[in-house]
C-alpha atoms as a PDB file:
ATOM      1  CA  MET A   1      -0.095  -0.134  -0.204  1.00  0.00           C
ATOM      2  CA  PHE A   2       1.293   3.496  -0.930  1.00  0.00           C
ATOM      3  CA  MET A   3       2.020   5.392   2.385  1.00  0.00           C
ATOM      4  CA  VAL A   4       1.654   9.237   2.080  1.00  0.00           C
ATOM      5  CA  LYS A   5       4.132  11.231   4.419  1.00  0.00           C
ATOM      6  CA  TYR A   6       1.084  13.230   6.036  1.00  0.00           C
ATOM      7  CA  SER A   7      -2.617  12.783   6.459  1.00  0.00           C
ATOM      8  CA  VAL A   8      -4.682  15.445   7.689  1.00  0.00           C
ATOM      9  CA  VAL A   9      -8.133  14.630   9.176  1.00  0.00           C
ATOM     10  CA  VAL A  10     -10.740  17.353   9.288  1.00  0.00           C
ATOM     11  CA  PRO A  11     -14.012  16.341  11.037  1.00  0.00           C
ATOM     12  CA  CYS A  12     -16.617  18.705   9.820  1.00  0.00           C
ATOM     13  CA  PHE A  13     -20.400  19.379  11.025  1.00  0.00           C
ATOM     14  CA  ASN A  14     -22.496  22.018   9.395  1.00  0.00           C
ATOM     15  CA  GLU A  15     -19.382  23.748   7.754  1.00  0.00           C
ATOM     16  CA  GLU A  16     -20.428  25.060   4.581  1.00  0.00           C
ATOM     17  CA  LEU A  17     -19.321  28.506   5.593  1.00  0.00           C
ATOM     18  CA  THR A  18     -15.672  27.519   6.473  1.00  0.00           C
ATOM     19  CA  ILE A  19     -15.126  24.098   4.503  1.00  0.00           C
ATOM     20  CA  ARG A  20     -13.481  25.789   1.384  1.00  0.00           C
ATOM     21  CA  GLU A  21     -11.342  28.112   3.465  1.00  0.00           C
ATOM     22  CA  ILE A  22     -10.092  25.485   5.597  1.00  0.00           C
ATOM     23  CA  TYR A  23      -9.209  23.446   2.597  1.00  0.00           C
ATOM     24  CA  LYS A  24      -7.338  26.521   0.850  1.00  0.00           C
ATOM     25  CA  ARG A  25      -5.485  27.329   3.820  1.00  0.00           C
ATOM     26  CA  LEU A  26      -4.811  23.345   4.619  1.00  0.00           C
ATOM     27  CA  LYS A  27      -3.617  23.111   0.753  1.00  0.00           C
ATOM     28  CA  ASN A  28      -1.336  26.243   0.783  1.00  0.00           C
ATOM     29  CA  VAL A  29       0.451  24.845   4.157  1.00  0.00           C
ATOM     30  CA  MET A  30       0.858  21.072   2.714  1.00  0.00           C
ATOM     31  CA  ASP A  31       2.024  22.268  -0.776  1.00  0.00           C
ATOM     32  CA  THR A  32       5.106  23.952   0.933  1.00  0.00           C
ATOM     33  CA  LEU A  33       6.325  20.642   2.644  1.00  0.00           C
ATOM     34  CA  ASP A  34       7.429  18.835  -0.720  1.00  0.00           C
ATOM     35  CA  ASP A  35       5.965  15.481   0.381  1.00  0.00           C
ATOM     36  CA  GLU A  36       3.032  13.257  -0.276  1.00  0.00           C
ATOM     37  CA  TYR A  37       0.010  14.215   1.671  1.00  0.00           C
ATOM     38  CA  GLU A  38      -3.522  13.571   2.087  1.00  0.00           C
ATOM     39  CA  ILE A  39      -6.741  15.462   3.319  1.00  0.00           C
ATOM     40  CA  ILE A  40      -9.489  13.388   4.589  1.00  0.00           C
ATOM     41  CA  PHE A  41     -12.808  15.338   5.409  1.00  0.00           C
ATOM     42  CA  VAL A  42     -14.978  13.514   7.746  1.00  0.00           C
ATOM     43  CA  ASN A  43     -18.702  14.730   7.269  1.00  0.00           C
ATOM     44  CA  ASP A  44     -20.205  14.125  10.480  1.00  0.00           C
ATOM     45  CA  GLY A  45     -23.856  13.967   9.372  1.00  0.00           C
ATOM     46  CA  SER A  46     -24.151  17.661   8.300  1.00  0.00           C
ATOM     47  CA  ARG A  47     -27.465  19.068   7.581  1.00  0.00           C
ATOM     48  CA  ASP A  48     -26.144  21.867   5.333  1.00  0.00           C
ATOM     49  CA  ASP A  49     -23.822  21.922   2.011  1.00  0.00           C
ATOM     50  CA  THR A  50     -20.895  20.430   3.630  1.00  0.00           C
ATOM     51  CA  GLU A  51     -20.890  17.266   1.952  1.00  0.00           C
ATOM     52  CA  LYS A  52     -21.705  19.013  -1.376  1.00  0.00           C
ATOM     53  CA  ILE A  53     -19.120  21.224  -1.192  1.00  0.00           C
ATOM     54  CA  ALA A  54     -16.507  18.622  -0.138  1.00  0.00           C
ATOM     55  CA  LYS A  55     -17.281  16.492  -3.125  1.00  0.00           C
ATOM     56  CA  GLU A  56     -16.566  19.458  -5.387  1.00  0.00           C
ATOM     57  CA  ILE A  57     -13.360  19.803  -3.619  1.00  0.00           C
ATOM     58  CA  CYS A  58     -12.572  16.061  -3.998  1.00  0.00           C
ATOM     59  CA  LYS A  59     -13.321  15.993  -7.756  1.00  0.00           C
ATOM     60  CA  ASN A  60     -10.861  18.814  -8.365  1.00  0.00           C
ATOM     61  CA  ASP A  61      -8.094  17.718  -5.923  1.00  0.00           C
ATOM     62  CA  LYS A  62      -6.636  13.931  -5.934  1.00  0.00           C
ATOM     63  CA  ASN A  63      -5.085  14.656  -2.569  1.00  0.00           C
ATOM     64  CA  VAL A  64      -8.412  14.956  -0.870  1.00  0.00           C
ATOM     65  CA  LYS A  65     -10.780  12.312   0.655  1.00  0.00           C
ATOM     66  CA  LEU A  66     -14.236  12.300   2.014  1.00  0.00           C
ATOM     67  CA  VAL A  67     -16.280  10.130   4.490  1.00  0.00           C
ATOM     68  CA  SER A  68     -19.724  11.016   5.009  1.00  0.00           C
ATOM     69  CA  PHE A  69     -21.856   9.773   7.994  1.00  0.00           C
ATOM     70  CA  SER A  70     -25.423   9.124   7.415  1.00  0.00           C
ATOM     71  CA  ARG A  71     -26.166  10.972  10.640  1.00  0.00           C
ATOM     72  CA  ASN A  72     -24.207  12.981  13.229  1.00  0.00           C
ATOM     73  CA  PHE A  73     -22.268  10.417  15.248  1.00  0.00           C
ATOM     74  CA  GLY A  74     -20.134  13.255  17.066  1.00  0.00           C
ATOM     75  CA  HIS A  75     -16.801  14.869  17.061  1.00  0.00           C
ATOM     76  CA  GLN A  76     -14.535  11.804  18.455  1.00  0.00           C
ATOM     77  CA  VAL A  77     -16.169   9.271  16.332  1.00  0.00           C
ATOM     78  CA  ALA A  78     -15.465  11.560  13.135  1.00  0.00           C
ATOM     79  CA  ILE A  79     -11.964  11.881  14.579  1.00  0.00           C
ATOM     80  CA  SER A  80     -11.461   8.113  14.966  1.00  0.00           C
ATOM     81  CA  ALA A  81     -13.142   7.198  11.591  1.00  0.00           C
ATOM     82  CA  GLY A  82     -10.690   9.670   9.875  1.00  0.00           C
ATOM     83  CA  MET A  83      -7.711   7.835  11.871  1.00  0.00           C
ATOM     84  CA  ASP A  84      -8.574   4.686  10.582  1.00  0.00           C
ATOM     85  CA  LEU A  85      -8.611   6.058   7.049  1.00  0.00           C
ATOM     86  CA  ALA A  86      -5.087   7.710   7.181  1.00  0.00           C
ATOM     87  CA  SER A  87      -2.150   6.358   5.622  1.00  0.00           C
ATOM     88  CA  GLY A  88       0.434   8.851   6.613  1.00  0.00           C
ATOM     89  CA  GLN A  89       3.579   8.566   8.886  1.00  0.00           C
ATOM     90  CA  ALA A  90       2.206  11.590  10.766  1.00  0.00           C
ATOM     91  CA  ILE A  91      -1.566  12.493  11.174  1.00  0.00           C
ATOM     92  CA  VAL A  92      -2.419  15.863  12.052  1.00  0.00           C
ATOM     93  CA  VAL A  93      -6.177  16.476  13.324  1.00  0.00           C
ATOM     94  CA  ILE A  94      -7.886  19.981  12.621  1.00  0.00           C
ATOM     95  CA  ASP A  95     -11.553  20.897  12.830  1.00  0.00           C
ATOM     96  CA  ALA A  96     -12.852  22.716  10.152  1.00  0.00           C
ATOM     97  CA  ASP A  97     -14.421  25.428  11.799  1.00  0.00           C
ATOM     98  CA  LEU A  98     -11.300  27.797  11.336  1.00  0.00           C
ATOM     99  CA  GLN A  99     -10.325  28.251  15.226  1.00  0.00           C
ATOM    100  CA  ASP A 100      -7.157  26.640  15.034  1.00  0.00           C
ATOM    101  CA  PRO A 101      -4.312  27.993  12.500  1.00  0.00           C
ATOM    102  CA  PRO A 102      -3.108  25.392   9.975  1.00  0.00           C
ATOM    103  CA  GLU A 103      -0.167  27.646   9.654  1.00  0.00           C
ATOM    104  CA  ILE A 104       1.604  26.166  12.423  1.00  0.00           C
ATOM    105  CA  ILE A 105       1.389  22.537  10.882  1.00  0.00           C
ATOM    106  CA  PRO A 106       5.149  22.888   9.498  1.00  0.00           C
ATOM    107  CA  GLU A 107       6.412  23.806  13.130  1.00  0.00           C
ATOM    108  CA  MET A 108       4.667  20.397  14.669  1.00  0.00           C
ATOM    109  CA  ILE A 109       6.214  18.467  11.649  1.00  0.00           C
ATOM    110  CA  LYS A 110       9.707  20.032  12.438  1.00  0.00           C
ATOM    111  CA  LEU A 111       9.110  19.029  16.314  1.00  0.00           C
ATOM    112  CA  TRP A 112       7.694  15.436  15.005  1.00  0.00           C
ATOM    113  CA  LYS A 113      10.977  15.271  12.904  1.00  0.00           C
ATOM    114  CA  SER A 114      13.169  15.931  16.022  1.00  0.00           C
ATOM    115  CA  GLY A 115      11.485  13.167  18.080  1.00  0.00           C
ATOM    116  CA  TYR A 116       8.246  13.895  19.402  1.00  0.00           C
ATOM    117  CA  ASP A 117       5.389  11.357  18.687  1.00  0.00           C
ATOM    118  CA  VAL A 118       2.684  13.931  19.930  1.00  0.00           C
ATOM    119  CA  VAL A 119       2.845  17.715  19.089  1.00  0.00           C
ATOM    120  CA  TYR A 120      -0.522  19.580  20.386  1.00  0.00           C
ATOM    121  CA  GLY A 121      -1.504  23.082  19.504  1.00  0.00           C
ATOM    122  CA  LYS A 122      -1.844  25.051  22.868  1.00  0.00           C
ATOM    123  CA  ARG A 123      -3.644  28.297  23.204  1.00  0.00           C
ATOM    124  CA  VAL A 124      -2.115  30.981  25.063  1.00  0.00           C
ATOM    125  CA  LYS A 125      -4.614  33.224  24.574  1.00  0.00           C
ATOM    126  CA  ARG A 126      -8.163  33.232  23.191  1.00  0.00           C
ATOM    127  CA  LYS A 127      -9.565  36.354  21.374  1.00  0.00           C
ATOM    128  CA  GLY A 128     -12.830  37.483  22.858  1.00  0.00           C
ATOM    129  CA  GLU A 129     -13.137  34.848  25.507  1.00  0.00           C
ATOM    130  CA  THR A 130     -15.299  35.998  28.685  1.00  0.00           C
ATOM    131  CA  VAL A 131     -13.860  35.471  31.941  1.00  0.00           C
ATOM    132  CA  PHE A 132     -16.387  32.774  32.799  1.00  0.00           C
ATOM    133  CA  LYS A 133     -15.519  30.575  29.736  1.00  0.00           C
ATOM    134  CA  LYS A 134     -11.672  30.831  31.008  1.00  0.00           C
ATOM    135  CA  ALA A 135     -12.813  29.759  34.535  1.00  0.00           C
ATOM    136  CA  THR A 136     -15.061  26.683  33.349  1.00  0.00           C
ATOM    137  CA  ALA A 137     -12.192  25.641  31.140  1.00  0.00           C
ATOM    138  CA  LYS A 138      -9.894  25.756  33.981  1.00  0.00           C
ATOM    139  CA  ILE A 139     -12.218  23.776  36.350  1.00  0.00           C
ATOM    140  CA  PHE A 140     -12.721  21.091  33.433  1.00  0.00           C
ATOM    141  CA  TYR A 141      -8.981  20.372  33.226  1.00  0.00           C
ATOM    142  CA  ARG A 142      -8.757  20.183  36.935  1.00  0.00           C
ATOM    143  CA  LEU A 143     -11.847  17.994  37.218  1.00  0.00           C
ATOM    144  CA  LEU A 144     -10.487  15.736  34.381  1.00  0.00           C
ATOM    145  CA  LYS A 145      -7.274  15.385  36.007  1.00  0.00           C
ATOM    146  CA  ARG A 146      -8.724  14.401  39.605  1.00  0.00           C
ATOM    147  CA  LEU A 147     -11.174  11.941  38.128  1.00  0.00           C
ATOM    148  CA  THR A 148      -9.248  10.108  35.662  1.00  0.00           C
ATOM    149  CA  SER A 149      -5.655   9.349  34.865  1.00  0.00           C
ATOM    150  CA  PHE A 150      -5.465  11.350  32.091  1.00  0.00           C
ATOM    151  CA  ASP A 151      -3.000  14.249  32.287  1.00  0.00           C
ATOM    152  CA  ILE A 152      -4.449  16.551  29.484  1.00  0.00           C
ATOM    153  CA  PRO A 153      -2.307  19.810  29.202  1.00  0.00           C
ATOM    154  CA  VAL A 154      -4.421  22.814  29.820  1.00  0.00           C
ATOM    155  CA  ASP A 155      -5.650  24.930  26.867  1.00  0.00           C
ATOM    156  CA  THR A 156      -5.189  22.073  24.314  1.00  0.00           C
ATOM    157  CA  GLY A 157      -8.092  20.326  22.032  1.00  0.00           C
ATOM    158  CA  ASP A 158      -7.836  18.224  19.523  1.00  0.00           C
ATOM    159  CA  PHE A 159      -5.576  20.055  17.342  1.00  0.00           C
ATOM    160  CA  ARG A 160      -2.491  17.897  17.178  1.00  0.00           C
ATOM    161  CA  LEU A 161       0.054  15.821  15.152  1.00  0.00           C
ATOM    162  CA  ILE A 162       0.339  12.222  16.120  1.00  0.00           C
ATOM    163  CA  ASP A 163       3.079   9.841  14.904  1.00  0.00           C
ATOM    164  CA  ARG A 164       1.642   6.639  13.116  1.00  0.00           C
ATOM    165  CA  LYS A 165       2.566   4.321  15.875  1.00  0.00           C
ATOM    166  CA  VAL A 166       0.215   6.685  18.095  1.00  0.00           C
ATOM    167  CA  CYS A 167      -2.233   6.134  15.417  1.00  0.00           C
ATOM    168  CA  ASP A 168      -1.941   2.548  15.401  1.00  0.00           C
ATOM    169  CA  ILE A 169      -2.050   2.044  19.107  1.00  0.00           C
ATOM    170  CA  LEU A 170      -5.352   4.326  19.215  1.00  0.00           C
ATOM    171  CA  LYS A 171      -6.936   2.308  16.391  1.00  0.00           C
ATOM    172  CA  SER A 172      -6.315  -1.151  18.325  1.00  0.00           C
ATOM    173  CA  LEU A 173      -8.090   0.317  21.494  1.00  0.00           C
ATOM    174  CA  LYS A 174     -11.594  -1.036  21.926  1.00  0.00           C
ATOM    175  CA  GLU A 175     -13.685   1.774  23.543  1.00  0.00           C
ATOM    176  CA  LYS A 176     -16.700   2.772  21.651  1.00  0.00           C
ATOM    177  CA  ASN A 177     -16.986   6.125  23.507  1.00  0.00           C
ATOM    178  CA  ARG A 178     -13.769   7.615  22.939  1.00  0.00           C
ATOM    179  CA  PHE A 179     -12.156  10.643  24.353  1.00  0.00           C
ATOM    180  CA  ILE A 180      -9.204  11.139  21.737  1.00  0.00           C
ATOM    181  CA  ARG A 181      -7.549  13.779  23.830  1.00  0.00           C
ATOM    182  CA  GLY A 182      -7.239  11.820  26.794  1.00  0.00           C
ATOM    183  CA  LEU A 183      -6.314   8.563  25.108  1.00  0.00           C
ATOM    184  CA  VAL A 184      -3.383  10.192  23.376  1.00  0.00           C
ATOM    185  CA  SER A 185      -2.313  11.544  26.482  1.00  0.00           C
ATOM    186  CA  TRP A 186      -2.611   7.985  28.025  1.00  0.00           C
ATOM    187  CA  THR A 187      -0.489   6.175  25.549  1.00  0.00           C
ATOM    188  CA  GLY A 188       2.625   8.139  27.100  1.00  0.00           C
ATOM    189  CA  PHE A 189       4.520   8.823  24.260  1.00  0.00           C
ATOM    190  CA  LYS A 190       6.703  11.952  23.989  1.00  0.00           C
ATOM    191  CA  GLN A 191       4.834  15.129  23.441  1.00  0.00           C
ATOM    192  CA  CYS A 192       5.162  18.863  23.213  1.00  0.00           C
ATOM    193  CA  ALA A 193       3.292  22.059  22.429  1.00  0.00           C
ATOM    194  CA  VAL A 194       3.119  24.646  20.071  1.00  0.00           C
ATOM    195  CA  GLU A 195       1.601  27.567  21.223  1.00  0.00           C
ATOM    196  CA  TYR A 196      -0.937  30.089  19.311  1.00  0.00           C
ATOM    197  CA  VAL A 197      -3.291  32.674  19.926  1.00  0.00           C
ATOM    198  CA  ARG A 198      -6.792  31.466  19.270  1.00  0.00           C
END
């Protein structure tokens, strides 16, 4: 089986307003890398024109694939489906909502090449975020750390790069209700952050 160097998994739910822009930005970034890549859109049962637009993109770009669910199964299931199809040596997960900058992917790749198995995006500042939102996010991470064995870095989401071996371990786990962020942390591989303003 032909292996691409990088797979980019993009879960989508009702993203007709952003899917073209995230594709354009991802393509611009990935084309600078001089390596084979694939972009995998996972349409999680969108009720708008997300699927139609993604099909148009696929028709015009051989590097783009689309998986469409019959209904909304949830964000974590969409990520898992994309990872199941990813053939890259490194897999990047980024949401289609434009809240995370694809432009830091080359920095993530550089850290991966230097020996990190997981490189996650870490928000150092959130534009327009209320004090209440910041406080509830801190409480969430503290509770999560206390109630589980997951040591998830604060102010991180699912935007991350993982090595093929991490992806393969995650795929081998039998959990039906996955929390990818927690499972990636749980695997114990060497990880670091790339900071950015959201």
